Amino acid sequence: MTTTIGLEIHVQLATQTKMFCGCSTAFGDEPNTHVCPVCLGLPGALPTLNAQAVRLAVRIATALGCTVHEVSEFSRKNYFYPDLPKSYQITQFDRPIATG
């Protein structure tokens, strides 16, 4: 029998904009000034993937000796959290950018 242990890694990449929209990641401004319909999860607001974040993810995956996949997928995972009114998070559970 082989034991498999999966790790979910969270990182903060040094990008100028957020992962799925063009809003700034600048720190220190007034609360709620760097938001848009995509950030708020409003109906009909379509995300746009931050290409710089993908490049950085591929760089770290390569440096760590991971397998970088040609095809990757971001999925919306819906569930209820009291502190998450839009009721979803983005996941790469099925087809991540890299593995290993």
PDB file of N, CA and C in Angstrom:
ATOM      1  N   MET A   1       0.839  -1.171   0.000  1.00  0.00           N
ATOM      2  CA  MET A   1       0.000   0.000   0.000  1.00  0.00           C
ATOM      3  C   MET A   1       0.893   1.246   0.000  1.00  0.00           C
ATOM      4  N   THR A   2       0.520   2.217  -0.821  1.00  0.00           N
ATOM      5  CA  THR A   2       1.243   3.472  -0.905  1.00  0.00           C
ATOM      6  C   THR A   2       0.380   4.588  -0.328  1.00  0.00           C
ATOM      7  N   THR A   3       0.968   5.400   0.491  1.00  0.00           N
ATOM      8  CA  THR A   3       0.268   6.556   1.040  1.00  0.00           C
ATOM      9  C   THR A   3       0.553   7.766   0.170  1.00  0.00           C
ATOM     10  N   THR A   4      -0.486   8.462  -0.210  1.00  0.00           N
ATOM     11  CA  THR A   4      -0.342   9.679  -0.992  1.00  0.00           C
ATOM     12  C   THR A   4      -0.824  10.853  -0.148  1.00  0.00           C
ATOM     13  N   ILE A   5       0.010  11.862  -0.041  1.00  0.00           N
ATOM     14  CA  ILE A   5      -0.348  13.055   0.718  1.00  0.00           C
ATOM     15  C   ILE A   5      -0.369  14.229  -0.241  1.00  0.00           C
ATOM     16  N   GLY A   6      -1.489  14.923  -0.312  1.00  0.00           N
ATOM     17  CA  GLY A   6      -1.609  16.085  -1.181  1.00  0.00           C
ATOM     18  C   GLY A   6      -1.446  17.370  -0.391  1.00  0.00           C
ATOM     19  N   LEU A   7      -0.783  18.331  -0.981  1.00  0.00           N
ATOM     20  CA  LEU A   7      -0.589  19.630  -0.346  1.00  0.00           C
ATOM     21  C   LEU A   7      -1.256  20.707  -1.183  1.00  0.00           C
ATOM     22  N   GLU A   8      -1.967  21.591  -0.536  1.00  0.00           N
ATOM     23  CA  GLU A   8      -2.544  22.748  -1.214  1.00  0.00           C
ATOM     24  C   GLU A   8      -1.689  23.936  -0.817  1.00  0.00           C
ATOM     25  N   ILE A   9      -1.034  24.543  -1.802  1.00  0.00           N
ATOM     26  CA  ILE A   9      -0.089  25.622  -1.543  1.00  0.00           C
ATOM     27  C   ILE A   9      -0.701  26.959  -1.951  1.00  0.00           C
ATOM     28  N   HIS A  10      -0.640  27.919  -1.055  1.00  0.00           N
ATOM     29  CA  HIS A  10      -1.112  29.269  -1.346  1.00  0.00           C
ATOM     30  C   HIS A  10       0.088  30.199  -1.371  1.00  0.00           C
ATOM     31  N   VAL A  11       0.157  31.031  -2.389  1.00  0.00           N
ATOM     32  CA  VAL A  11       1.257  31.987  -2.505  1.00  0.00           C
ATOM     33  C   VAL A  11       0.702  33.354  -2.885  1.00  0.00           C
ATOM     34  N   GLN A  12       1.479  34.366  -2.626  1.00  0.00           N
ATOM     35  CA  GLN A  12       1.137  35.715  -3.065  1.00  0.00           C
ATOM     36  C   GLN A  12       2.206  36.129  -4.058  1.00  0.00           C
ATOM     37  N   LEU A  13       1.824  36.215  -5.323  1.00  0.00           N
ATOM     38  CA  LEU A  13       2.768  36.565  -6.377  1.00  0.00           C
ATOM     39  C   LEU A  13       2.921  38.078  -6.474  1.00  0.00           C
ATOM     40  N   ALA A  14       4.078  38.522  -6.876  1.00  0.00           N
ATOM     41  CA  ALA A  14       4.379  39.953  -6.976  1.00  0.00           C
ATOM     42  C   ALA A  14       3.882  40.496  -8.314  1.00  0.00           C
ATOM     43  N   THR A  15       2.570  40.561  -8.468  1.00  0.00           N
ATOM     44  CA  THR A  15       1.973  41.127  -9.679  1.00  0.00           C
ATOM     45  C   THR A  15       1.369  42.489  -9.354  1.00  0.00           C
ATOM     46  N   GLN A  16       1.146  43.280 -10.380  1.00  0.00           N
ATOM     47  CA  GLN A  16       0.571  44.612 -10.186  1.00  0.00           C
ATOM     48  C   GLN A  16      -0.959  44.579 -10.141  1.00  0.00           C
ATOM     49  N   THR A  17      -1.543  43.503 -10.666  1.00  0.00           N
ATOM     50  CA  THR A  17      -3.001  43.382 -10.678  1.00  0.00           C
ATOM     51  C   THR A  17      -3.416  42.027 -10.105  1.00  0.00           C
ATOM     52  N   LYS A  18      -4.683  41.914  -9.777  1.00  0.00           N
ATOM     53  CA  LYS A  18      -5.219  40.694  -9.181  1.00  0.00           C
ATOM     54  C   LYS A  18      -5.243  39.546 -10.186  1.00  0.00           C
ATOM     55  N   MET A  19      -5.486  38.346  -9.709  1.00  0.00           N
ATOM     56  CA  MET A  19      -5.406  37.143 -10.534  1.00  0.00           C
ATOM     57  C   MET A  19      -6.427  37.115 -11.663  1.00  0.00           C
ATOM     58  N   PHE A  20      -7.640  37.584 -11.427  1.00  0.00           N
ATOM     59  CA  PHE A  20      -8.694  37.435 -12.426  1.00  0.00           C
ATOM     60  C   PHE A  20      -9.302  38.752 -12.897  1.00  0.00           C
ATOM     61  N   CYS A  21      -8.664  39.875 -12.596  1.00  0.00           N
ATOM     62  CA  CYS A  21      -9.164  41.164 -13.097  1.00  0.00           C
ATOM     63  C   CYS A  21      -8.009  42.158 -13.133  1.00  0.00           C
ATOM     64  N   GLY A  22      -8.272  43.349 -13.603  1.00  0.00           N
ATOM     65  CA  GLY A  22      -7.242  44.368 -13.730  1.00  0.00           C
ATOM     66  C   GLY A  22      -7.108  45.278 -12.538  1.00  0.00           C
ATOM     67  N   CYS A  23      -7.778  44.964 -11.424  1.00  0.00           N
ATOM     68  CA  CYS A  23      -7.692  45.813 -10.240  1.00  0.00           C
ATOM     69  C   CYS A  23      -6.308  45.747  -9.602  1.00  0.00           C
ATOM     70  N   SER A  24      -5.872  46.858  -9.074  1.00  0.00           N
ATOM     71  CA  SER A  24      -4.559  46.986  -8.454  1.00  0.00           C
ATOM     72  C   SER A  24      -4.418  46.108  -7.212  1.00  0.00           C
ATOM     73  N   THR A  25      -3.186  45.690  -6.955  1.00  0.00           N
ATOM     74  CA  THR A  25      -2.867  44.970  -5.729  1.00  0.00           C
ATOM     75  C   THR A  25      -2.121  45.873  -4.745  1.00  0.00           C
ATOM     76  N   ALA A  26      -2.098  47.181  -5.013  1.00  0.00           N
ATOM     77  CA  ALA A  26      -1.368  48.126  -4.163  1.00  0.00           C
ATOM     78  C   ALA A  26      -1.891  48.068  -2.730  1.00  0.00           C
ATOM     79  N   PHE A  27      -0.974  48.109  -1.788  1.00  0.00           N
ATOM     80  CA  PHE A  27      -1.324  48.052  -0.378  1.00  0.00           C
ATOM     81  C   PHE A  27      -1.350  49.450   0.218  1.00  0.00           C
ATOM     82  N   GLY A  28      -2.278  49.687   1.135  1.00  0.00           N
ATOM     83  CA  GLY A  28      -2.284  50.930   1.884  1.00  0.00           C
ATOM     84  C   GLY A  28      -3.354  51.922   1.497  1.00  0.00           C
ATOM     85  N   ASP A  29      -4.075  51.681   0.411  1.00  0.00           N
ATOM     86  CA  ASP A  29      -5.152  52.593   0.035  1.00  0.00           C
ATOM     87  C   ASP A  29      -6.376  52.357   0.912  1.00  0.00           C
ATOM     88  N   GLU A  30      -7.347  53.226   0.776  1.00  0.00           N
ATOM     89  CA  GLU A  30      -8.587  53.082   1.534  1.00  0.00           C
ATOM     90  C   GLU A  30      -9.234  51.729   1.232  1.00  0.00           C
ATOM     91  N   PRO A  31      -9.911  51.129   2.211  1.00  0.00           N
ATOM     92  CA  PRO A  31     -10.592  49.851   1.974  1.00  0.00           C
ATOM     93  C   PRO A  31     -11.591  49.950   0.824  1.00  0.00           C
ATOM     94  N   ASN A  32     -11.718  48.876   0.094  1.00  0.00           N
ATOM     95  CA  ASN A  32     -12.699  48.731  -0.990  1.00  0.00           C
ATOM     96  C   ASN A  32     -12.510  49.705  -2.146  1.00  0.00           C
ATOM     97  N   THR A  33     -11.282  50.162  -2.381  1.00  0.00           N
ATOM     98  CA  THR A  33     -11.041  51.048  -3.512  1.00  0.00           C
ATOM     99  C   THR A  33     -10.506  50.293  -4.730  1.00  0.00           C
ATOM    100  N   HIS A  34     -10.030  49.083  -4.542  1.00  0.00           N
ATOM    101  CA  HIS A  34      -9.507  48.277  -5.644  1.00  0.00           C
ATOM    102  C   HIS A  34     -10.449  47.109  -5.914  1.00  0.00           C
ATOM    103  N   VAL A  35     -11.672  47.422  -6.279  1.00  0.00           N
ATOM    104  CA  VAL A  35     -12.674  46.392  -6.562  1.00  0.00           C
ATOM    105  C   VAL A  35     -13.402  46.713  -7.861  1.00  0.00           C
ATOM    106  N   CYS A  36     -13.948  45.671  -8.480  1.00  0.00           N
ATOM    107  CA  CYS A  36     -14.707  45.814  -9.716  1.00  0.00           C
ATOM    108  C   CYS A  36     -15.787  44.725  -9.735  1.00  0.00           C
ATOM    109  N   PRO A  37     -16.627  44.683 -10.739  1.00  0.00           N
ATOM    110  CA  PRO A  37     -17.656  43.641 -10.800  1.00  0.00           C
ATOM    111  C   PRO A  37     -17.095  42.216 -10.745  1.00  0.00           C
ATOM    112  N   VAL A  38     -15.907  41.996 -11.311  1.00  0.00           N
ATOM    113  CA  VAL A  38     -15.307  40.650 -11.263  1.00  0.00           C
ATOM    114  C   VAL A  38     -14.905  40.313  -9.831  1.00  0.00           C
ATOM    115  N   CYS A  39     -14.213  41.234  -9.148  1.00  0.00           N
ATOM    116  CA  CYS A  39     -13.809  41.013  -7.748  1.00  0.00           C
ATOM    117  C   CYS A  39     -15.008  40.703  -6.868  1.00  0.00           C
ATOM    118  N   LEU A  40     -16.085  41.405  -7.120  1.00  0.00           N
ATOM    119  CA  LEU A  40     -17.280  41.245  -6.302  1.00  0.00           C
ATOM    120  C   LEU A  40     -18.073  40.001  -6.657  1.00  0.00           C
ATOM    121  N   GLY A  41     -17.711  39.335  -7.737  1.00  0.00           N
ATOM    122  CA  GLY A  41     -18.430  38.129  -8.138  1.00  0.00           C
ATOM    123  C   GLY A  41     -19.825  38.413  -8.649  1.00  0.00           C
ATOM    124  N   LEU A  42     -20.010  39.560  -9.259  1.00  0.00           N
ATOM    125  CA  LEU A  42     -21.341  39.935  -9.746  1.00  0.00           C
ATOM    126  C   LEU A  42     -21.722  39.093 -10.966  1.00  0.00           C
ATOM    127  N   PRO A  43     -22.998  38.797 -11.105  1.00  0.00           N
ATOM    128  CA  PRO A  43     -23.460  38.002 -12.252  1.00  0.00           C
ATOM    129  C   PRO A  43     -23.075  38.662 -13.576  1.00  0.00           C
ATOM    130  N   GLY A  44     -22.587  37.857 -14.493  1.00  0.00           N
ATOM    131  CA  GLY A  44     -22.236  38.354 -15.818  1.00  0.00           C
ATOM    132  C   GLY A  44     -20.849  38.948 -15.929  1.00  0.00           C
ATOM    133  N   ALA A  45     -20.162  39.117 -14.807  1.00  0.00           N
ATOM    134  CA  ALA A  45     -18.810  39.678 -14.831  1.00  0.00           C
ATOM    135  C   ALA A  45     -17.817  38.551 -15.107  1.00  0.00           C
ATOM    136  N   LEU A  46     -17.178  38.601 -16.255  1.00  0.00           N
ATOM    137  CA  LEU A  46     -16.282  37.525 -16.662  1.00  0.00           C
ATOM    138  C   LEU A  46     -14.834  37.827 -16.295  1.00  0.00           C
ATOM    139  N   PRO A  47     -14.164  36.885 -15.653  1.00  0.00           N
ATOM    140  CA  PRO A  47     -12.767  37.092 -15.270  1.00  0.00           C
ATOM    141  C   PRO A  47     -11.822  37.007 -16.452  1.00  0.00           C
ATOM    142  N   THR A  48     -10.682  37.675 -16.330  1.00  0.00           N
ATOM    143  CA  THR A  48      -9.608  37.601 -17.309  1.00  0.00           C
ATOM    144  C   THR A  48      -8.353  37.182 -16.558  1.00  0.00           C
ATOM    145  N   LEU A  49      -7.726  36.115 -16.978  1.00  0.00           N
ATOM    146  CA  LEU A  49      -6.565  35.567 -16.277  1.00  0.00           C
ATOM    147  C   LEU A  49      -5.357  36.495 -16.380  1.00  0.00           C
ATOM    148  N   ASN A  50      -4.670  36.703 -15.280  1.00  0.00           N
ATOM    149  CA  ASN A  50      -3.477  37.532 -15.205  1.00  0.00           C
ATOM    150  C   ASN A  50      -2.300  36.740 -15.789  1.00  0.00           C
ATOM    151  N   ALA A  51      -1.852  37.118 -16.976  1.00  0.00           N
ATOM    152  CA  ALA A  51      -0.786  36.391 -17.668  1.00  0.00           C
ATOM    153  C   ALA A  51       0.525  36.402 -16.883  1.00  0.00           C
ATOM    154  N   GLN A  52       0.840  37.500 -16.207  1.00  0.00           N
ATOM    155  CA  GLN A  52       2.070  37.571 -15.414  1.00  0.00           C
ATOM    156  C   GLN A  52       2.028  36.555 -14.272  1.00  0.00           C
ATOM    157  N   ALA A  53       0.887  36.361 -13.656  1.00  0.00           N
ATOM    158  CA  ALA A  53       0.759  35.374 -12.579  1.00  0.00           C
ATOM    159  C   ALA A  53       1.004  33.967 -13.108  1.00  0.00           C
ATOM    160  N   VAL A  54       0.519  33.678 -14.308  1.00  0.00           N
ATOM    161  CA  VAL A  54       0.746  32.364 -14.909  1.00  0.00           C
ATOM    162  C   VAL A  54       2.231  32.171 -15.206  1.00  0.00           C
ATOM    163  N   ARG A  55       2.881  33.200 -15.752  1.00  0.00           N
ATOM    164  CA  ARG A  55       4.324  33.110 -16.022  1.00  0.00           C
ATOM    165  C   ARG A  55       5.108  32.836 -14.737  1.00  0.00           C
ATOM    166  N   LEU A  56       4.757  33.539 -13.661  1.00  0.00           N
ATOM    167  CA  LEU A  56       5.444  33.329 -12.387  1.00  0.00           C
ATOM    168  C   LEU A  56       5.181  31.931 -11.831  1.00  0.00           C
ATOM    169  N   ALA A  57       3.965  31.444 -11.978  1.00  0.00           N
ATOM    170  CA  ALA A  57       3.631  30.089 -11.514  1.00  0.00           C
ATOM    171  C   ALA A  57       4.436  29.040 -12.278  1.00  0.00           C
ATOM    172  N   VAL A  58       4.571  29.218 -13.579  1.00  0.00           N
ATOM    173  CA  VAL A  58       5.360  28.283 -14.390  1.00  0.00           C
ATOM    174  C   VAL A  58       6.836  28.351 -13.990  1.00  0.00           C
ATOM    175  N   ARG A  59       7.338  29.542 -13.707  1.00  0.00           N
ATOM    176  CA  ARG A  59       8.741  29.685 -13.285  1.00  0.00           C
ATOM    177  C   ARG A  59       9.030  28.936 -11.988  1.00  0.00           C
ATOM    178  N   ILE A  60       8.150  29.107 -10.991  1.00  0.00           N
ATOM    179  CA  ILE A  60       8.396  28.433  -9.714  1.00  0.00           C
ATOM    180  C   ILE A  60       8.211  26.927  -9.861  1.00  0.00           C
ATOM    181  N   ALA A  61       7.243  26.512 -10.671  1.00  0.00           N
ATOM    182  CA  ALA A  61       7.035  25.075 -10.903  1.00  0.00           C
ATOM    183  C   ALA A  61       8.258  24.457 -11.570  1.00  0.00           C
ATOM    184  N   THR A  62       8.823  25.156 -12.534  1.00  0.00           N
ATOM    185  CA  THR A  62      10.021  24.671 -13.220  1.00  0.00           C
ATOM    186  C   THR A  62      11.200  24.610 -12.249  1.00  0.00           C
ATOM    187  N   ALA A  63      11.364  25.647 -11.436  1.00  0.00           N
ATOM    188  CA  ALA A  63      12.455  25.683 -10.461  1.00  0.00           C
ATOM    189  C   ALA A  63      12.350  24.550  -9.446  1.00  0.00           C
ATOM    190  N   LEU A  64      11.135  24.146  -9.122  1.00  0.00           N
ATOM    191  CA  LEU A  64      10.919  23.069  -8.151  1.00  0.00           C
ATOM    192  C   LEU A  64      10.917  21.683  -8.792  1.00  0.00           C
ATOM    193  N   GLY A  65      11.099  21.622 -10.105  1.00  0.00           N
ATOM    194  CA  GLY A  65      11.143  20.337 -10.791  1.00  0.00           C
ATOM    195  C   GLY A  65       9.776  19.709 -11.002  1.00  0.00           C
ATOM    196  N   CYS A  66       8.748  20.513 -11.000  1.00  0.00           N
ATOM    197  CA  CYS A  66       7.383  20.011 -11.210  1.00  0.00           C
ATOM    198  C   CYS A  66       7.132  19.758 -12.694  1.00  0.00           C
ATOM    199  N   THR A  67       6.081  19.028 -12.972  1.00  0.00           N
ATOM    200  CA  THR A  67       5.620  18.846 -14.344  1.00  0.00           C
ATOM    201  C   THR A  67       4.664  19.978 -14.662  1.00  0.00           C
ATOM    202  N   VAL A  68       4.981  20.790 -15.639  1.00  0.00           N
ATOM    203  CA  VAL A  68       4.109  21.887 -16.069  1.00  0.00           C
ATOM    204  C   VAL A  68       3.219  21.342 -17.182  1.00  0.00           C
ATOM    205  N   HIS A  69       1.919  21.490 -17.014  1.00  0.00           N
ATOM    206  CA  HIS A  69       0.963  20.924 -17.961  1.00  0.00           C
ATOM    207  C   HIS A  69       0.621  21.902 -19.078  1.00  0.00           C
ATOM    208  N   GLU A  70       0.435  21.369 -20.282  1.00  0.00           N
ATOM    209  CA  GLU A  70       0.071  22.180 -21.445  1.00  0.00           C
ATOM    210  C   GLU A  70      -1.317  22.795 -21.285  1.00  0.00           C
ATOM    211  N   VAL A  71      -2.216  22.060 -20.640  1.00  0.00           N
ATOM    212  CA  VAL A  71      -3.591  22.522 -20.453  1.00  0.00           C
ATOM    213  C   VAL A  71      -3.877  22.610 -18.961  1.00  0.00           C
ATOM    214  N   SER A  72      -4.447  23.713 -18.551  1.00  0.00           N
ATOM    215  CA  SER A  72      -4.807  23.932 -17.156  1.00  0.00           C
ATOM    216  C   SER A  72      -6.227  24.477 -17.120  1.00  0.00           C
ATOM    217  N   GLU A  73      -6.895  24.300 -15.996  1.00  0.00           N
ATOM    218  CA  GLU A  73      -8.298  24.735 -15.909  1.00  0.00           C
ATOM    219  C   GLU A  73      -8.578  25.330 -14.538  1.00  0.00           C
ATOM    220  N   PHE A  74      -9.232  26.455 -14.535  1.00  0.00           N
ATOM    221  CA  PHE A  74      -9.719  27.066 -13.303  1.00  0.00           C
ATOM    222  C   PHE A  74     -11.211  26.805 -13.223  1.00  0.00           C
ATOM    223  N   SER A  75     -11.669  26.300 -12.091  1.00  0.00           N
ATOM    224  CA  SER A  75     -13.092  26.018 -11.907  1.00  0.00           C
ATOM    225  C   SER A  75     -13.620  26.809 -10.728  1.00  0.00           C
ATOM    226  N   ARG A  76     -14.894  27.104 -10.778  1.00  0.00           N
ATOM    227  CA  ARG A  76     -15.555  27.801  -9.680  1.00  0.00           C
ATOM    228  C   ARG A  76     -16.176  26.757  -8.761  1.00  0.00           C
ATOM    229  N   LYS A  77     -15.775  26.776  -7.498  1.00  0.00           N
ATOM    230  CA  LYS A  77     -16.283  25.839  -6.503  1.00  0.00           C
ATOM    231  C   LYS A  77     -17.260  26.607  -5.620  1.00  0.00           C
ATOM    232  N   ASN A  78     -18.524  26.226  -5.641  1.00  0.00           N
ATOM    233  CA  ASN A  78     -19.570  26.939  -4.899  1.00  0.00           C
ATOM    234  C   ASN A  78     -19.886  26.235  -3.590  1.00  0.00           C
ATOM    235  N   TYR A  79     -19.934  26.987  -2.519  1.00  0.00           N
ATOM    236  CA  TYR A  79     -20.366  26.494  -1.218  1.00  0.00           C
ATOM    237  C   TYR A  79     -20.572  27.683  -0.304  1.00  0.00           C
ATOM    238  N   PHE A  80     -21.141  27.453   0.852  1.00  0.00           N
ATOM    239  CA  PHE A  80     -21.468  28.548   1.755  1.00  0.00           C
ATOM    240  C   PHE A  80     -20.405  28.725   2.831  1.00  0.00           C
ATOM    241  N   TYR A  81     -19.921  29.937   2.957  1.00  0.00           N
ATOM    242  CA  TYR A  81     -19.115  30.365   4.086  1.00  0.00           C
ATOM    243  C   TYR A  81     -19.726  31.668   4.580  1.00  0.00           C
ATOM    244  N   PRO A  82     -19.923  31.835   5.874  1.00  0.00           N
ATOM    245  CA  PRO A  82     -20.525  33.077   6.379  1.00  0.00           C
ATOM    246  C   PRO A  82     -19.736  34.334   5.998  1.00  0.00           C
ATOM    247  N   ASP A  83     -18.415  34.211   5.866  1.00  0.00           N
ATOM    248  CA  ASP A  83     -17.598  35.381   5.538  1.00  0.00           C
ATOM    249  C   ASP A  83     -17.299  35.502   4.049  1.00  0.00           C
ATOM    250  N   LEU A  84     -17.976  34.698   3.223  1.00  0.00           N
ATOM    251  CA  LEU A  84     -17.744  34.718   1.777  1.00  0.00           C
ATOM    252  C   LEU A  84     -19.090  34.872   1.070  1.00  0.00           C
ATOM    253  N   PRO A  85     -19.623  36.090   1.026  1.00  0.00           N
ATOM    254  CA  PRO A  85     -20.976  36.278   0.511  1.00  0.00           C
ATOM    255  C   PRO A  85     -21.175  35.860  -0.940  1.00  0.00           C
ATOM    256  N   LYS A  86     -20.116  35.880  -1.759  1.00  0.00           N
ATOM    257  CA  LYS A  86     -20.307  35.465  -3.142  1.00  0.00           C
ATOM    258  C   LYS A  86     -20.369  33.949  -3.274  1.00  0.00           C
ATOM    259  N   SER A  87     -20.011  33.233  -2.214  1.00  0.00           N
ATOM    260  CA  SER A  87     -20.193  31.788  -2.086  1.00  0.00           C
ATOM    261  C   SER A  87     -19.428  30.956  -3.104  1.00  0.00           C
ATOM    262  N   TYR A  88     -18.255  31.394  -3.508  1.00  0.00           N
ATOM    263  CA  TYR A  88     -17.433  30.543  -4.365  1.00  0.00           C
ATOM    264  C   TYR A  88     -15.957  30.865  -4.183  1.00  0.00           C
ATOM    265  N   GLN A  89     -15.154  29.892  -4.543  1.00  0.00           N
ATOM    266  CA  GLN A  89     -13.716  30.087  -4.649  1.00  0.00           C
ATOM    267  C   GLN A  89     -13.285  29.495  -5.979  1.00  0.00           C
ATOM    268  N   ILE A  90     -12.122  29.909  -6.453  1.00  0.00           N
ATOM    269  CA  ILE A  90     -11.576  29.372  -7.695  1.00  0.00           C
ATOM    270  C   ILE A  90     -10.613  28.237  -7.333  1.00  0.00           C
ATOM    271  N   THR A  91     -10.708  27.127  -8.035  1.00  0.00           N
ATOM    272  CA  THR A  91      -9.865  25.978  -7.757  1.00  0.00           C
ATOM    273  C   THR A  91      -9.228  25.451  -9.037  1.00  0.00           C
ATOM    274  N   GLN A  92      -8.115  24.771  -8.886  1.00  0.00           N
ATOM    275  CA  GLN A  92      -7.469  24.060  -9.987  1.00  0.00           C
ATOM    276  C   GLN A  92      -7.384  22.580  -9.646  1.00  0.00           C
ATOM    277  N   PHE A  93      -8.324  22.097  -8.871  1.00  0.00           N
ATOM    278  CA  PHE A  93      -8.301  20.726  -8.375  1.00  0.00           C
ATOM    279  C   PHE A  93      -8.145  19.692  -9.491  1.00  0.00           C
ATOM    280  N   ASP A  94      -8.901  19.834 -10.561  1.00  0.00           N
ATOM    281  CA  ASP A  94      -8.910  18.814 -11.623  1.00  0.00           C
ATOM    282  C   ASP A  94      -7.748  18.923 -12.589  1.00  0.00           C
ATOM    283  N   ARG A  95      -7.369  20.163 -12.966  1.00  0.00           N
ATOM    284  CA  ARG A  95      -6.320  20.351 -13.980  1.00  0.00           C
ATOM    285  C   ARG A  95      -5.423  21.528 -13.596  1.00  0.00           C
ATOM    286  N   PRO A  96      -4.495  21.321 -12.658  1.00  0.00           N
ATOM    287  CA  PRO A  96      -3.625  22.412 -12.207  1.00  0.00           C
ATOM    288  C   PRO A  96      -2.555  22.792 -13.239  1.00  0.00           C
ATOM    289  N   ILE A  97      -1.948  23.938 -13.034  1.00  0.00           N
ATOM    290  CA  ILE A  97      -0.870  24.404 -13.900  1.00  0.00           C
ATOM    291  C   ILE A  97       0.303  23.426 -13.835  1.00  0.00           C
ATOM    292  N   ALA A  98       0.601  22.940 -12.641  1.00  0.00           N
ATOM    293  CA  ALA A  98       1.736  22.024 -12.467  1.00  0.00           C
ATOM    294  C   ALA A  98       1.444  21.021 -11.364  1.00  0.00           C
ATOM    295  N   THR A  99       2.135  19.902 -11.416  1.00  0.00           N
ATOM    296  CA  THR A  99       2.040  18.892 -10.363  1.00  0.00           C
ATOM    297  C   THR A  99       3.421  18.351 -10.039  1.00  0.00           C
ATOM    298  N   GLY A 100       3.507  17.676  -8.927  1.00  0.00           N
ATOM    299  CA  GLY A 100       4.764  17.031  -8.534  1.00  0.00           C
ATOM    300  C   GLY A 100       5.662  17.948  -7.768  1.00  0.00           C
TER     301      GLY A 100
END
